Amino acid sequence: MNSRENVRELTGLSIPKGESESSNFEIGFVVEDVNETISGLREQGVKVLVEPITKPWGQTIAYVSDPDGNYIEICS
C-alpha cells in the first residue's frame, strides 16, 4: 500500500490517486483538547471535514480545511 492509500484509509479524506500538480497539502497541529478546538473552529465558520475520532493507538484526530481547500489535522 502506498502512502496516499494509507492516508485515505486513516483519514477517510479524498486524496488524489496519482501525482498532482495542485498545491494542496496537509499540515497538522497538536492541541491539548481536540474536541474543544474543533468546537471553537466550527463556531468561527471553519469547515469540519472529519469529526474528532480516537484512533486505536489512543490519538484523537479531526480534520478541517482552510479557504483554499488544504487539509488541516487537529490532533492530540
Protein backbone atom coordinates (compact mmCIF):
# COMPACT_ATOMS: atom_id res chain seq x y z
CA MET A 1 0.00 0.00 0.00
CA ASN A 2 1.44 3.39 -0.93
CA SER A 3 1.39 6.41 1.35
CA ARG A 4 -1.60 8.03 -0.41
CA GLU A 5 -3.65 4.89 0.18
CA ASN A 6 -2.54 4.88 3.83
CA VAL A 7 -3.69 8.47 4.25
CA ARG A 8 -7.05 7.73 2.61
CA GLU A 9 -7.54 4.74 4.91
CA LEU A 10 -6.52 6.55 8.10
CA THR A 11 -8.41 9.79 7.48
CA GLY A 12 -11.32 8.91 5.22
CA LEU A 13 -10.46 12.03 3.21
CA SER A 14 -10.44 12.23 -0.57
CA ILE A 15 -6.76 12.05 -1.51
CA PRO A 16 -5.82 12.15 -5.23
CA LYS A 17 -4.64 8.78 -6.57
CA GLY A 18 -1.61 9.96 -8.56
CA GLU A 19 0.92 12.70 -8.77
CA SER A 20 -0.86 16.01 -8.54
CA GLU A 21 0.01 19.43 -9.87
CA SER A 22 -2.21 21.03 -7.25
CA SER A 23 -0.86 22.99 -4.34
CA ASN A 24 -2.98 21.10 -1.79
CA PHE A 25 -1.15 19.82 1.23
CA GLU A 26 -1.80 18.79 4.80
CA ILE A 27 -0.50 20.42 7.95
CA GLY A 28 -1.08 19.19 11.47
CA PHE A 29 -1.42 20.93 14.81
CA VAL A 30 -1.09 19.15 18.15
CA VAL A 31 -3.50 20.60 20.71
CA GLU A 32 -4.44 19.85 24.31
CA ASP A 33 -8.14 19.20 23.59
CA VAL A 34 -9.18 18.25 20.06
CA ASN A 35 -12.92 18.39 20.79
CA GLU A 36 -12.68 21.89 22.29
CA THR A 37 -10.50 23.13 19.42
CA ILE A 38 -12.87 21.76 16.79
CA SER A 39 -15.84 23.28 18.59
CA GLY A 40 -14.14 26.69 18.60
CA LEU A 41 -13.16 26.43 14.94
CA ARG A 42 -16.71 25.42 13.98
CA GLU A 43 -18.09 28.47 15.83
CA GLN A 44 -15.77 30.60 13.67
CA GLY A 45 -17.18 29.08 10.49
CA VAL A 46 -14.35 26.67 9.71
CA LYS A 47 -15.47 23.66 7.66
CA VAL A 48 -15.03 20.44 9.64
CA LEU A 49 -14.19 17.54 7.30
CA VAL A 50 -13.73 14.75 9.86
CA GLU A 51 -15.20 14.98 13.35
CA PRO A 52 -12.89 14.10 16.27
CA ILE A 53 -12.23 10.36 16.48
CA THR A 54 -9.92 8.39 18.73
CA LYS A 55 -7.65 6.00 16.87
CA PRO A 56 -6.83 2.52 18.25
CA TRP A 57 -3.42 3.79 19.42
CA GLY A 58 -5.11 6.47 21.58
CA GLN A 59 -4.56 9.59 19.49
CA THR A 60 -7.57 11.82 18.83
CA ILE A 61 -7.69 13.39 15.37
CA ALA A 62 -10.00 15.60 13.36
CA TYR A 63 -9.68 17.40 10.03
CA VAL A 64 -10.73 20.84 8.88
CA SER A 65 -9.99 22.70 5.67
CA ASP A 66 -8.65 26.16 5.04
CA PRO A 67 -10.22 28.56 2.50
CA ASP A 68 -8.03 27.06 -0.28
CA GLY A 69 -9.18 23.51 0.49
CA ASN A 70 -5.98 22.33 2.16
CA TYR A 71 -6.41 19.69 4.86
CA ILE A 72 -5.53 20.65 8.42
CA GLU A 73 -5.21 17.89 11.00
CA ILE A 74 -6.03 18.79 14.58
CA CYS A 75 -4.64 16.09 16.85
CA SER A 76 -3.67 15.15 20.37
